[in-house]
C-alpha cells in the first residue's frame, strides 16, 4: 500500500527578500523529508510529510543568501535519525544537526552523530511521537560531555510547569518558535516572563522562528512582533533565527513564503549589528561551526 502525504508541500519558488542575509548566515531550523516510505516512519507520528529534499532546501537558502543550515530531526522519524544524518553529512562543513534521542541511545551512536555534525537533541511535545519528558534529565546527562544542548518545542503552560527542572539542567536549552507564547496575551504573560528569566540565567537560547505558529492570520504575522522585539531587546546574544522550512504540520495557517519570513527578521533587526549576531555570531557559537 502506498503512503501518501497528508500535509502540504512548501512553496516551490521562494520570493526574493528585501535584502540578502549577512555573509556566513546560518538558518538554525529546517527539516528534510525523504519520499514517503523511503525511510522509517514513526507509528506515533502526527502527519505524513511530502518529500522535501536537501536540494530543495538549499535552493531556498540560496534565494535568501544563506550559506549554512541546521537540520532538525522531525517527529515523523522518531529516534531513527538516518534521514537527517544523511543530509547533515552531505552538507559537510556548512551543516549541523539536532537529533531526537531517548535514554537507550548507545555511546557509539552518540559519537557517530557528533562526528557527523550533530550538536543537540530535541524534545517535541507538539507533533506526536516525541520522547517522553520523563527522560529529560537522563538524556541531558548523556549529552552533557559532548557539549550538546536540548531543544524544546513545548507550549507556554508546559514551560511554566518545567521551569524548576529547566533551571537545574546541566546543558544549555534552546526554545523553538519564540517560546510558543499565547498570542492573545502580551509579553507580561507568565510563560514569556519565565522564558526571559531563563535567558537571564545565561544557559538558554530562543529561536525567533515560526511567526506563523504564533499568528495564524498570514503574512506579515503581526501578533508575533511584540514577542520577537522583546526577546531582541532582552537578550540579543542568545537568539538565533530559523526558517522552519518546509513548514510541516500546519493546521490553521496558510503555507508561508520563506522570503516573507525573512523579511520579518529584517524588520525585527533594523540594526545590522544585531542581525549579524542573530544570523552569524550566535549560531556559530551554539552549533560549533
Protein backbone atom coordinates (compact mmCIF):
# COMPACT_ATOMS: atom_id res chain seq x y z
CA UNK A 1 0.00 0.00 0.00
CA UNK A 2 1.40 3.40 -0.97
CA UNK A 3 1.96 6.07 1.65
CA UNK A 4 0.53 9.45 0.69
CA UNK A 5 1.43 12.79 2.31
CA UNK A 6 -1.33 14.38 4.37
CA UNK A 7 0.21 17.85 4.76
CA UNK A 8 1.02 20.42 2.05
CA UNK A 9 4.38 21.00 0.39
CA UNK A 10 6.27 24.28 0.77
CA UNK A 11 6.22 26.86 -2.00
CA UNK A 12 8.19 25.62 -4.98
CA UNK A 13 9.68 29.09 -5.55
CA UNK A 14 10.79 31.41 -2.76
CA UNK A 15 10.18 35.13 -3.11
CA UNK A 16 13.43 37.10 -3.06
CA UNK A 17 13.57 39.09 0.21
CA UNK A 18 14.07 42.82 0.57
CA UNK A 19 17.75 42.29 1.48
CA UNK A 20 20.19 39.40 1.50
CA UNK A 21 21.45 37.70 4.63
CA UNK A 22 24.87 38.69 6.00
CA UNK A 23 27.89 36.69 4.89
CA UNK A 24 28.16 33.43 6.81
CA UNK A 25 24.49 33.44 7.85
CA UNK A 26 23.00 30.28 9.35
CA UNK A 27 19.41 29.04 9.18
CA UNK A 28 19.06 27.26 12.52
CA UNK A 29 15.85 25.34 12.00
CA UNK A 30 14.88 23.24 8.99
CA UNK A 31 13.85 19.67 8.21
CA UNK A 32 14.36 17.34 5.28
CA UNK A 33 11.98 14.55 4.30
CA UNK A 34 12.63 11.63 2.01
CA UNK A 35 9.94 10.41 -0.35
CA UNK A 36 7.10 8.85 1.68
CA UNK A 37 8.05 5.29 2.53
CA UNK A 38 11.75 5.72 1.76
CA UNK A 39 12.72 5.92 5.43
CA UNK A 40 11.33 4.53 8.66
CA UNK A 41 8.21 6.41 9.81
CA UNK A 42 7.33 6.57 13.49
CA UNK A 43 3.96 4.81 14.08
CA UNK A 44 3.09 7.57 16.57
CA UNK A 45 3.72 10.35 14.03
CA UNK A 46 1.24 13.19 13.77
CA UNK A 47 1.44 13.56 9.99
CA UNK A 48 2.90 12.11 6.78
CA UNK A 49 5.21 14.65 5.11
CA UNK A 50 5.70 15.21 1.41
CA UNK A 51 9.18 14.83 0.00
CA UNK A 52 11.32 17.87 0.84
CA UNK A 53 14.89 17.26 -0.25
CA UNK A 54 18.18 18.79 0.74
CA UNK A 55 18.49 20.20 -2.78
CA UNK A 56 15.09 21.90 -2.42
CA UNK A 57 16.18 23.35 0.92
CA UNK A 58 19.49 24.63 -0.40
CA UNK A 59 17.72 26.31 -3.32
CA UNK A 60 15.55 28.19 -0.84
CA UNK A 61 18.63 29.21 1.18
CA UNK A 62 20.34 30.49 -1.95
CA UNK A 63 17.42 32.84 -2.61
CA UNK A 64 17.82 34.29 0.89
CA UNK A 65 21.60 34.48 0.57
CA UNK A 66 22.24 31.99 3.39
CA UNK A 67 25.23 29.66 3.24
CA UNK A 68 24.74 27.31 6.21
CA UNK A 69 21.93 25.42 7.89
CA UNK A 70 20.90 23.26 10.85
CA UNK A 71 18.81 20.17 10.11
CA UNK A 72 16.43 19.31 12.95
CA UNK A 73 15.17 15.74 13.23
CA UNK A 74 11.38 15.81 12.66
CA UNK A 75 8.98 13.85 14.85
CA UNK A 76 7.83 11.60 11.99
CA UNK A 77 11.14 9.71 12.09
CA UNK A 78 11.18 9.27 15.87
CA UNK A 79 14.63 8.42 17.21
CA UNK A 80 15.83 6.96 13.88
CA UNK A 81 17.98 9.86 12.72
CA UNK A 82 19.20 8.40 9.42
CA UNK A 83 17.43 10.81 7.05
CA UNK A 84 18.61 13.89 8.97
CA UNK A 85 22.12 12.49 9.41
CA UNK A 86 22.48 11.84 5.68
CA UNK A 87 21.53 15.45 4.96
CA UNK A 88 23.95 16.86 7.55
CA UNK A 89 26.78 14.71 6.23
CA UNK A 90 26.03 15.83 2.66
CA UNK A 91 26.26 19.48 3.75
CA UNK A 92 29.76 18.86 5.17
CA UNK A 93 31.14 21.95 6.94
CA UNK A 94 28.06 24.04 6.09
CA UNK A 95 25.66 21.80 8.04
CA UNK A 96 24.86 20.88 11.62
CA UNK A 97 22.13 18.72 13.10
CA UNK A 98 19.80 18.30 16.05
CA UNK A 99 18.80 14.70 16.71
CA UNK A 100 15.94 13.08 18.62
CA UNK A 101 17.25 10.63 21.21
CA UNK A 102 15.97 8.69 24.16
CA UNK A 103 17.87 7.19 27.07
CA UNK A 104 18.58 3.95 25.19
CA UNK A 105 20.93 5.61 22.69
CA UNK A 106 24.35 3.95 22.71
CA UNK A 107 27.60 5.79 23.30
CA UNK A 108 28.72 4.70 19.84
CA UNK A 109 25.62 6.23 18.21
CA UNK A 110 26.07 9.46 20.14
CA UNK A 111 29.66 9.73 18.94
CA UNK A 112 28.64 8.86 15.38
CA UNK A 113 26.09 11.67 15.37
CA UNK A 114 28.58 14.08 16.94
CA UNK A 115 31.16 13.25 14.28
CA UNK A 116 28.52 13.85 11.61
CA UNK A 117 27.87 17.36 12.94
CA UNK A 118 25.04 16.99 15.46
CA UNK A 119 25.12 19.34 18.43
CA UNK A 120 21.79 18.86 20.22
CA UNK A 121 18.72 16.72 20.77
CA UNK A 122 15.08 17.76 20.66
CA UNK A 123 12.05 17.20 22.88
CA UNK A 124 8.91 17.84 20.83
CA UNK A 125 5.53 17.75 22.60
CA UNK A 126 3.56 19.21 19.68
CA UNK A 127 3.78 16.86 16.75
CA UNK A 128 3.27 13.33 18.10
CA UNK A 129 5.84 10.63 18.64
CA UNK A 130 8.34 12.68 20.64
CA UNK A 131 10.48 11.44 23.53
CA UNK A 132 8.71 11.47 26.90
CA UNK A 133 9.67 14.28 29.27
CA UNK A 134 10.38 11.70 31.97
CA UNK A 135 13.66 11.13 30.12
CA UNK A 136 14.69 14.80 30.09
CA UNK A 137 17.29 14.66 32.86
CA UNK A 138 18.67 11.28 31.78
CA UNK A 139 19.18 12.41 28.21
CA UNK A 140 20.71 15.70 29.41
CA UNK A 141 23.32 13.80 31.40
CA UNK A 142 24.11 11.59 28.40
CA UNK A 143 24.79 14.54 26.07
CA UNK A 144 26.50 16.88 28.53
CA UNK A 145 30.02 15.58 27.94
CA UNK A 146 29.66 16.24 24.21
CA UNK A 147 28.70 19.87 24.83
CA UNK A 148 25.29 19.40 23.21
CA UNK A 149 22.11 21.29 24.07
CA UNK A 150 18.47 20.30 24.49
CA UNK A 151 16.00 21.89 22.08
CA UNK A 152 12.40 22.21 23.30
CA UNK A 153 9.21 22.53 21.26
CA UNK A 154 6.68 22.99 24.04
CA UNK A 155 3.66 25.15 24.77
CA UNK A 156 3.62 28.08 27.15
CA UNK A 157 2.00 26.22 30.05
CA UNK A 158 4.48 23.36 29.84
CA UNK A 159 7.32 25.87 30.00
CA UNK A 160 5.97 27.15 33.32
CA UNK A 161 5.48 23.64 34.65
CA UNK A 162 9.03 22.62 33.75
CA UNK A 163 10.77 25.78 34.89
CA UNK A 164 12.21 24.28 38.11
CA UNK A 165 13.62 21.34 36.13
CA UNK A 166 14.97 23.57 33.38
CA UNK A 167 16.91 25.65 35.91
CA UNK A 168 18.78 22.52 37.03
CA UNK A 169 19.77 21.31 33.57
CA UNK A 170 23.47 20.51 33.06
CA UNK A 171 23.24 21.64 29.41
CA UNK A 172 22.03 24.70 27.52
CA UNK A 173 18.38 24.87 26.48
CA UNK A 174 17.08 26.12 23.13
CA UNK A 175 13.40 27.05 22.80
CA UNK A 176 11.67 26.81 19.45
CA UNK A 177 9.46 29.39 17.77
CA UNK A 178 9.62 32.39 20.12
CA UNK A 179 8.92 30.06 23.06
CA UNK A 180 5.39 29.44 21.78
CA UNK A 181 3.73 32.30 23.71
CA UNK A 182 -0.02 32.72 23.92
CA UNK A 183 -0.65 35.19 21.07
CA UNK A 184 -3.72 36.60 22.82
CA UNK A 185 -1.62 37.83 25.73
CA UNK A 186 1.23 40.28 25.91
CA UNK A 187 4.88 39.99 26.83
CA UNK A 188 4.00 40.05 30.55
CA UNK A 189 2.23 36.68 30.42
CA UNK A 190 3.78 34.27 32.96
CA UNK A 191 5.27 31.87 30.41
CA UNK A 192 7.02 34.60 28.46
CA UNK A 193 8.36 36.14 31.66
CA UNK A 194 9.64 32.69 32.62
CA UNK A 195 11.38 32.44 29.26
CA UNK A 196 13.06 35.81 29.79
CA UNK A 197 14.07 34.62 33.26
CA UNK A 198 15.80 31.59 31.74
CA UNK A 199 17.55 33.81 29.21
CA UNK A 200 18.77 35.96 32.08
CA UNK A 201 20.48 32.92 33.55
CA UNK A 202 22.72 32.69 30.50
CA UNK A 203 22.07 29.00 29.71
CA UNK A 204 19.04 29.39 27.45
CA UNK A 205 18.54 30.40 23.83
CA UNK A 206 15.44 31.17 21.75
CA UNK A 207 14.81 30.70 18.05
CA UNK A 208 12.99 33.72 16.68
CA UNK A 209 11.28 31.49 14.16
CA UNK A 210 7.82 30.22 13.35
CA UNK A 211 5.99 33.55 13.43
CA UNK A 212 3.10 31.79 11.69
CA UNK A 213 2.89 29.31 14.57
CA UNK A 214 2.17 32.24 16.89
CA UNK A 215 -0.06 34.16 14.49
CA UNK A 216 -2.17 32.15 12.02
CA UNK A 217 -3.57 35.20 10.22
CA UNK A 218 -0.95 35.04 7.45
CA UNK A 219 1.96 37.29 6.47
CA UNK A 220 3.26 39.51 7.98
CA UNK A 221 2.11 37.82 11.24
CA UNK A 222 1.81 41.00 13.36
CA UNK A 223 0.95 39.16 16.59
CA UNK A 224 4.49 37.76 16.66
CA UNK A 225 6.17 41.16 16.51
CA UNK A 226 5.93 42.10 20.18
CA UNK A 227 7.46 38.81 21.30
CA UNK A 228 10.35 38.95 18.84
CA UNK A 229 11.08 42.56 19.68
CA UNK A 230 11.01 41.88 23.44
CA UNK A 231 13.45 38.98 23.03
CA UNK A 232 15.80 41.06 20.90
CA UNK A 233 15.76 43.84 23.48
CA UNK A 234 16.33 41.47 26.39
CA UNK A 235 18.93 39.04 25.07
CA UNK A 236 20.31 39.69 21.57
CA UNK A 237 23.34 37.46 22.29
CA UNK A 238 21.16 34.41 22.97
CA UNK A 239 18.92 34.39 19.92
CA UNK A 240 19.15 32.55 16.62
CA UNK A 241 16.89 32.54 13.57
CA UNK A 242 15.31 29.63 11.74
CA UNK A 243 13.15 29.32 8.65
CA UNK A 244 11.31 26.18 9.85
CA UNK A 245 11.34 25.02 6.21
CA UNK A 246 9.39 23.09 4.84
CA UNK A 247 6.87 24.24 7.47
CA UNK A 248 5.38 20.86 8.41
CA UNK A 249 2.19 20.08 10.29
CA UNK A 250 0.45 23.39 9.68
CA UNK A 251 -3.14 23.16 10.90
CA UNK A 252 -4.68 26.60 10.52
CA UNK A 253 -2.01 28.85 8.99
CA UNK A 254 -1.58 29.32 5.24
CA UNK A 255 1.74 27.99 3.90
CA UNK A 256 4.31 30.76 4.45
CA UNK A 257 6.75 32.02 1.85
CA UNK A 258 10.30 31.97 3.20
CA UNK A 259 11.02 35.32 1.60
CA UNK A 260 8.21 36.83 3.68
CA UNK A 261 9.51 35.14 6.81
CA UNK A 262 12.97 36.52 6.21
CA UNK A 263 11.50 39.97 5.67
CA UNK A 264 10.05 39.78 9.19
CA UNK A 265 13.52 39.15 10.57
CA UNK A 266 14.78 42.14 8.60
CA UNK A 267 12.02 44.25 10.17
CA UNK A 268 12.79 42.99 13.68
CA UNK A 269 16.53 43.59 13.25
CA UNK A 270 16.79 47.00 11.68
CA UNK A 271 20.17 47.26 13.38
CA UNK A 272 22.60 45.32 11.16
CA UNK A 273 24.88 44.61 14.13
CA UNK A 274 22.00 42.79 15.86
CA UNK A 275 21.22 40.90 12.65
CA UNK A 276 24.86 39.84 12.48
CA UNK A 277 24.63 38.44 15.99
CA UNK A 278 21.41 36.52 15.40
CA UNK A 279 22.29 35.13 11.98
CA UNK A 280 26.05 34.60 12.23
CA UNK A 281 27.81 35.09 15.57
CA UNK A 282 25.32 33.45 17.96
CA UNK A 283 24.61 30.30 15.92
CA UNK A 284 28.31 29.87 15.20
CA UNK A 285 28.83 29.53 18.96
CA UNK A 286 25.73 27.46 19.66
CA UNK A 287 26.26 24.92 16.88
CA UNK A 288 30.05 24.86 16.97
CA UNK A 289 30.56 25.88 13.34
